[in-house]
Structure formats: structure tokens, C-alpha cells
Amino acid sequence: MLTVSCESCGESFLVSDDTMGTQVTCPACGSPVTVAAVAEEEDLGPQAEVAWEYNVLIDLGRMGHVDERKLNALGHQGWELVSVFRESAESHTCFYFKRRLSAPGA
């Protein structure tokens, strides 16, 4: 979603990303508002969206224990444990990891 401002009335409102480079109507006053075709620099700052990839490690032994070597290997690869889920005492345990996606060519 993008935030745009109406030059006629000053109202700010959200529009979908697919409206970039088009004209939309201000919901407050009905004036046409042009949505910038390229995101402005301020949109690329520290609050820019971060892309993540996820990994699930499943303990089929039903003991809730994963080999320390596996965990250390994931840590060295940049994976961070974010959640552990076990539906019941009889079920397997799922360990959920995430890491930031690398930028292309990085």
C-alpha cells in the first residue's frame, strides 16, 4: 500500500501498489490525484519492507529435542529461531526459523 496526499484538500489516503503511475480520485473531495510512478526516497528508508525466508525443522522423535549440531549449523547460516510448536505430547515438534533474504547480487 502507498500513502498519497491530495493537493486540493490536503487529505492523505492509502492506495494499492498497482496504482503507481496512474490517477486516482481523492475520497474526501473527489479531485484527481496522480500516484507517483516510482517510490520516493523517503519510502526506501529504515521502514522499508524486509523480505524473509522461512525454514521448518521437524522433530519426528516426538521428544521436543533437536540435535545441537543442526541448530548451530542453522545459526551459522543466518537462521533465527522464531517459534516452537507442538500440538500435543504425542505429536512431533516443529521449530520455525527465519532469515532475511539476500538482495540479488549481494
N, C-alpha and C. Protein backbone atom coordinates (compact mmCIF):
# COMPACT_ATOMS: atom_id res chain seq x y z
N MET A 1 0.84 -1.18 0.00
CA MET A 1 0.00 0.00 0.00
C MET A 1 0.89 1.25 0.00
N LEU A 2 0.40 2.27 -0.65
CA LEU A 2 1.10 3.55 -0.73
C LEU A 2 0.23 4.64 -0.12
N THR A 3 0.87 5.62 0.48
CA THR A 3 0.15 6.77 1.01
C THR A 3 0.33 7.92 0.03
N VAL A 4 -0.79 8.51 -0.39
CA VAL A 4 -0.73 9.68 -1.27
C VAL A 4 -1.50 10.82 -0.62
N SER A 5 -1.18 12.05 -1.02
CA SER A 5 -1.84 13.24 -0.47
C SER A 5 -2.49 14.01 -1.60
N CYS A 6 -3.68 14.48 -1.33
CA CYS A 6 -4.42 15.29 -2.31
C CYS A 6 -3.93 16.73 -2.23
N GLU A 7 -3.53 17.28 -3.37
CA GLU A 7 -3.05 18.66 -3.41
C GLU A 7 -4.19 19.65 -3.21
N SER A 8 -5.42 19.25 -3.54
CA SER A 8 -6.56 20.16 -3.41
C SER A 8 -7.02 20.36 -1.97
N CYS A 9 -7.17 19.25 -1.23
CA CYS A 9 -7.71 19.37 0.13
C CYS A 9 -6.71 18.98 1.23
N GLY A 10 -5.57 18.40 0.85
CA GLY A 10 -4.56 18.02 1.83
C GLY A 10 -4.79 16.68 2.49
N GLU A 11 -5.88 15.98 2.14
CA GLU A 11 -6.19 14.68 2.73
C GLU A 11 -5.18 13.63 2.28
N SER A 12 -4.72 12.78 3.21
CA SER A 12 -3.84 11.66 2.89
C SER A 12 -4.66 10.39 2.93
N PHE A 13 -4.40 9.47 2.00
CA PHE A 13 -5.14 8.21 1.95
C PHE A 13 -4.27 7.13 1.33
N LEU A 14 -4.67 5.89 1.55
CA LEU A 14 -3.92 4.75 1.04
C LEU A 14 -4.46 4.29 -0.30
N VAL A 15 -3.54 3.87 -1.18
CA VAL A 15 -3.90 3.27 -2.47
C VAL A 15 -3.06 2.02 -2.65
N SER A 16 -3.49 1.11 -3.49
CA SER A 16 -2.73 -0.12 -3.70
C SER A 16 -1.51 0.16 -4.58
N ASP A 17 -0.51 -0.71 -4.46
CA ASP A 17 0.74 -0.55 -5.21
C ASP A 17 0.51 -0.55 -6.71
N ASP A 18 -0.51 -1.25 -7.18
CA ASP A 18 -0.73 -1.34 -8.63
C ASP A 18 -1.28 -0.04 -9.23
N THR A 19 -1.53 0.98 -8.41
CA THR A 19 -1.98 2.28 -8.94
C THR A 19 -0.81 3.22 -9.24
N MET A 20 0.44 2.76 -9.01
CA MET A 20 1.60 3.61 -9.29
C MET A 20 1.58 4.05 -10.75
N GLY A 21 1.78 5.33 -10.96
CA GLY A 21 1.82 5.87 -12.32
C GLY A 21 0.45 6.17 -12.90
N THR A 22 -0.60 6.04 -12.10
CA THR A 22 -1.95 6.32 -12.59
C THR A 22 -2.55 7.47 -11.80
N GLN A 23 -3.79 7.79 -12.14
CA GLN A 23 -4.50 8.84 -11.44
C GLN A 23 -5.66 8.21 -10.67
N VAL A 24 -5.83 8.61 -9.43
CA VAL A 24 -6.93 8.12 -8.60
C VAL A 24 -7.76 9.32 -8.15
N THR A 25 -8.91 9.04 -7.56
CA THR A 25 -9.79 10.10 -7.09
C THR A 25 -9.69 10.22 -5.58
N CYS A 26 -9.55 11.42 -5.09
CA CYS A 26 -9.48 11.67 -3.66
C CYS A 26 -10.84 11.32 -3.04
N PRO A 27 -10.85 10.45 -2.02
CA PRO A 27 -12.12 10.08 -1.41
C PRO A 27 -12.77 11.22 -0.62
N ALA A 28 -11.98 12.24 -0.24
CA ALA A 28 -12.52 13.34 0.55
C ALA A 28 -13.18 14.42 -0.30
N CYS A 29 -12.52 14.80 -1.42
CA CYS A 29 -13.04 15.92 -2.20
C CYS A 29 -13.35 15.58 -3.66
N GLY A 30 -12.93 14.38 -4.11
CA GLY A 30 -13.21 13.97 -5.47
C GLY A 30 -12.24 14.49 -6.51
N SER A 31 -11.20 15.19 -6.10
CA SER A 31 -10.21 15.71 -7.04
C SER A 31 -9.31 14.58 -7.54
N PRO A 32 -8.79 14.70 -8.77
CA PRO A 32 -7.85 13.70 -9.27
C PRO A 32 -6.49 13.85 -8.59
N VAL A 33 -5.90 12.71 -8.24
CA VAL A 33 -4.58 12.70 -7.59
C VAL A 33 -3.70 11.74 -8.38
N THR A 34 -2.52 12.21 -8.80
CA THR A 34 -1.58 11.37 -9.54
C THR A 34 -0.70 10.62 -8.54
N VAL A 35 -0.65 9.29 -8.70
CA VAL A 35 0.19 8.45 -7.85
C VAL A 35 1.55 8.36 -8.53
N ALA A 36 2.62 8.68 -7.79
CA ALA A 36 3.96 8.66 -8.37
C ALA A 36 4.28 7.30 -8.97
N ALA A 37 5.00 7.30 -10.09
CA ALA A 37 5.34 6.06 -10.79
C ALA A 37 6.45 5.30 -10.09
N VAL A 38 7.30 6.00 -9.35
CA VAL A 38 8.43 5.38 -8.66
C VAL A 38 8.36 5.80 -7.21
N ALA A 39 8.64 4.86 -6.32
CA ALA A 39 8.63 5.19 -4.89
C ALA A 39 9.66 6.26 -4.61
N GLU A 40 9.30 7.23 -3.78
CA GLU A 40 10.21 8.30 -3.43
C GLU A 40 11.25 7.80 -2.45
N GLU A 41 12.37 8.49 -2.34
CA GLU A 41 13.47 8.07 -1.47
C GLU A 41 13.03 7.85 -0.03
N GLU A 42 12.11 8.69 0.47
CA GLU A 42 11.69 8.55 1.85
C GLU A 42 11.01 7.20 2.10
N ASP A 43 10.44 6.59 1.07
CA ASP A 43 9.80 5.29 1.22
C ASP A 43 10.83 4.16 1.29
N LEU A 44 12.08 4.43 0.98
CA LEU A 44 13.11 3.40 0.96
C LEU A 44 13.94 3.40 2.23
N GLY A 45 13.52 4.18 3.22
CA GLY A 45 14.27 4.32 4.46
C GLY A 45 14.17 3.09 5.34
N PRO A 46 14.46 3.26 6.64
CA PRO A 46 14.53 2.14 7.55
C PRO A 46 13.22 1.39 7.72
N GLN A 47 12.10 1.99 7.35
CA GLN A 47 10.82 1.32 7.49
C GLN A 47 10.42 0.56 6.23
N ALA A 48 11.33 0.48 5.25
CA ALA A 48 11.02 -0.27 4.04
C ALA A 48 10.80 -1.73 4.41
N GLU A 49 9.95 -2.40 3.66
CA GLU A 49 9.64 -3.79 3.95
C GLU A 49 10.88 -4.67 3.79
N VAL A 50 10.96 -5.66 4.64
CA VAL A 50 12.06 -6.61 4.60
C VAL A 50 11.49 -7.95 4.14
N ALA A 51 12.19 -8.60 3.24
CA ALA A 51 11.75 -9.91 2.77
C ALA A 51 12.44 -10.99 3.59
N TRP A 52 11.68 -12.00 4.01
CA TRP A 52 12.19 -13.08 4.82
C TRP A 52 11.99 -14.41 4.11
N GLU A 53 12.83 -15.36 4.42
CA GLU A 53 12.59 -16.73 4.00
C GLU A 53 12.48 -17.56 5.27
N TYR A 54 11.75 -18.65 5.19
CA TYR A 54 11.46 -19.45 6.37
C TYR A 54 11.91 -20.88 6.20
N ASN A 55 12.20 -21.52 7.32
CA ASN A 55 12.66 -22.90 7.35
C ASN A 55 11.96 -23.58 8.52
N VAL A 56 11.45 -24.79 8.32
CA VAL A 56 10.81 -25.54 9.39
C VAL A 56 11.62 -26.81 9.62
N LEU A 57 12.03 -27.00 10.85
CA LEU A 57 12.74 -28.21 11.24
C LEU A 57 11.77 -29.02 12.09
N ILE A 58 11.51 -30.26 11.70
CA ILE A 58 10.54 -31.08 12.40
C ILE A 58 11.24 -32.20 13.15
N ASP A 59 10.94 -32.31 14.43
CA ASP A 59 11.47 -33.39 15.26
C ASP A 59 10.45 -34.52 15.24
N LEU A 60 10.75 -35.56 14.49
CA LEU A 60 9.83 -36.69 14.39
C LEU A 60 9.97 -37.64 15.57
N GLY A 61 10.98 -37.45 16.41
CA GLY A 61 11.18 -38.30 17.57
C GLY A 61 10.20 -38.02 18.69
N ARG A 62 9.41 -36.97 18.55
CA ARG A 62 8.37 -36.61 19.50
C ARG A 62 8.90 -36.30 20.89
N MET A 63 10.15 -35.95 20.98
CA MET A 63 10.72 -35.63 22.29
C MET A 63 10.95 -34.13 22.47
N GLY A 64 10.74 -33.34 21.43
CA GLY A 64 10.94 -31.90 21.53
C GLY A 64 12.41 -31.52 21.58
N HIS A 65 13.27 -32.39 21.09
CA HIS A 65 14.70 -32.13 21.15
C HIS A 65 15.29 -32.25 19.74
N VAL A 66 16.07 -31.27 19.36
CA VAL A 66 16.76 -31.30 18.06
C VAL A 66 18.25 -31.29 18.35
N ASP A 67 18.99 -32.04 17.57
CA ASP A 67 20.43 -32.14 17.72
C ASP A 67 21.07 -30.76 17.72
N GLU A 68 21.91 -30.49 18.70
CA GLU A 68 22.58 -29.19 18.84
C GLU A 68 23.39 -28.83 17.61
N ARG A 69 23.99 -29.81 16.95
CA ARG A 69 24.78 -29.54 15.73
C ARG A 69 23.90 -28.98 14.62
N LYS A 70 22.66 -29.50 14.50
CA LYS A 70 21.74 -28.98 13.48
C LYS A 70 21.39 -27.52 13.79
N LEU A 71 21.13 -27.24 15.06
CA LEU A 71 20.78 -25.87 15.44
C LEU A 71 21.94 -24.91 15.21
N ASN A 72 23.15 -25.34 15.56
CA ASN A 72 24.33 -24.49 15.33
C ASN A 72 24.56 -24.25 13.85
N ALA A 73 24.35 -25.28 13.03
CA ALA A 73 24.52 -25.13 11.58
C ALA A 73 23.53 -24.10 11.03
N LEU A 74 22.29 -24.17 11.48
CA LEU A 74 21.29 -23.18 11.04
C LEU A 74 21.68 -21.78 11.49
N GLY A 75 22.17 -21.64 12.72
CA GLY A 75 22.60 -20.34 13.22
C GLY A 75 23.73 -19.76 12.40
N HIS A 76 24.69 -20.59 12.02
CA HIS A 76 25.82 -20.12 11.19
C HIS A 76 25.36 -19.71 9.79
N GLN A 77 24.25 -20.26 9.34
CA GLN A 77 23.71 -19.91 8.03
C GLN A 77 22.80 -18.67 8.10
N GLY A 78 22.66 -18.09 9.30
CA GLY A 78 21.87 -16.88 9.45
C GLY A 78 20.43 -17.10 9.86
N TRP A 79 20.04 -18.34 10.16
CA TRP A 79 18.67 -18.64 10.56
C TRP A 79 18.46 -18.26 12.02
N GLU A 80 17.31 -17.69 12.34
CA GLU A 80 16.95 -17.30 13.68
C GLU A 80 15.67 -18.05 14.09
N LEU A 81 15.70 -18.70 15.25
CA LEU A 81 14.53 -19.41 15.74
C LEU A 81 13.48 -18.41 16.17
N VAL A 82 12.26 -18.55 15.63
CA VAL A 82 11.20 -17.60 15.98
C VAL A 82 10.04 -18.25 16.71
N SER A 83 9.89 -19.58 16.57
CA SER A 83 8.77 -20.23 17.23
C SER A 83 8.99 -21.73 17.32
N VAL A 84 8.43 -22.32 18.35
CA VAL A 84 8.42 -23.77 18.50
C VAL A 84 6.97 -24.16 18.74
N PHE A 85 6.49 -25.14 17.99
CA PHE A 85 5.09 -25.55 18.12
C PHE A 85 5.00 -27.05 18.27
N ARG A 86 4.22 -27.46 19.27
CA ARG A 86 3.96 -28.87 19.49
C ARG A 86 2.48 -28.99 19.85
N GLU A 87 1.73 -29.62 18.98
CA GLU A 87 0.27 -29.68 19.14
C GLU A 87 -0.14 -30.44 20.40
N SER A 88 0.53 -31.54 20.65
CA SER A 88 0.22 -32.33 21.85
C SER A 88 1.46 -33.10 22.26
N ALA A 89 1.39 -33.75 23.42
CA ALA A 89 2.54 -34.51 23.91
C ALA A 89 2.87 -35.68 22.99
N GLU A 90 1.90 -36.17 22.24
CA GLU A 90 2.12 -37.31 21.35
C GLU A 90 2.56 -36.90 19.95
N SER A 91 2.50 -35.62 19.62
CA SER A 91 2.82 -35.19 18.26
C SER A 91 4.28 -34.77 18.13
N HIS A 92 4.71 -34.55 16.90
CA HIS A 92 6.06 -34.08 16.65
C HIS A 92 6.17 -32.59 16.98
N THR A 93 7.38 -32.10 17.05
CA THR A 93 7.64 -30.70 17.37
C THR A 93 8.17 -30.01 16.13
N CYS A 94 7.64 -28.80 15.84
CA CYS A 94 8.10 -28.01 14.69
C CYS A 94 8.86 -26.79 15.22
N PHE A 95 10.04 -26.59 14.67
CA PHE A 95 10.87 -25.45 15.01
C PHE A 95 10.87 -24.53 13.80
N TYR A 96 10.41 -23.30 13.95
CA TYR A 96 10.29 -22.36 12.84
C TYR A 96 11.43 -21.34 12.90
N PHE A 97 12.12 -21.21 11.78
CA PHE A 97 13.25 -20.29 11.66
C PHE A 97 12.98 -19.29 10.54
N LYS A 98 13.61 -18.12 10.64
CA LYS A 98 13.55 -17.15 9.55
C LYS A 98 14.92 -16.52 9.39
N ARG A 99 15.16 -15.99 8.19
CA ARG A 99 16.35 -15.18 7.94
C ARG A 99 16.02 -14.20 6.83
N ARG A 100 16.71 -13.08 6.85
CA ARG A 100 16.49 -12.04 5.83
C ARG A 100 16.94 -12.56 4.48
N LEU A 101 16.13 -12.33 3.46
CA LEU A 101 16.51 -12.70 2.11
C LEU A 101 17.65 -11.82 1.64
N SER A 102 18.62 -12.41 1.00
CA SER A 102 19.74 -11.64 0.47
C SER A 102 19.30 -10.89 -0.78
N ALA A 103 19.79 -9.69 -0.94
CA ALA A 103 19.49 -8.91 -2.14
C ALA A 103 20.19 -9.57 -3.32
N PRO A 104 19.56 -9.56 -4.51
CA PRO A 104 20.19 -10.15 -5.68
C PRO A 104 21.55 -9.53 -5.93
N GLY A 105 22.55 -10.37 -6.15
CA GLY A 105 23.90 -9.90 -6.46
C GLY A 105 24.69 -9.54 -5.22
N ALA A 106 24.10 -9.76 -4.02
CA ALA A 106 24.81 -9.41 -2.79
C ALA A 106 25.72 -10.53 -2.36
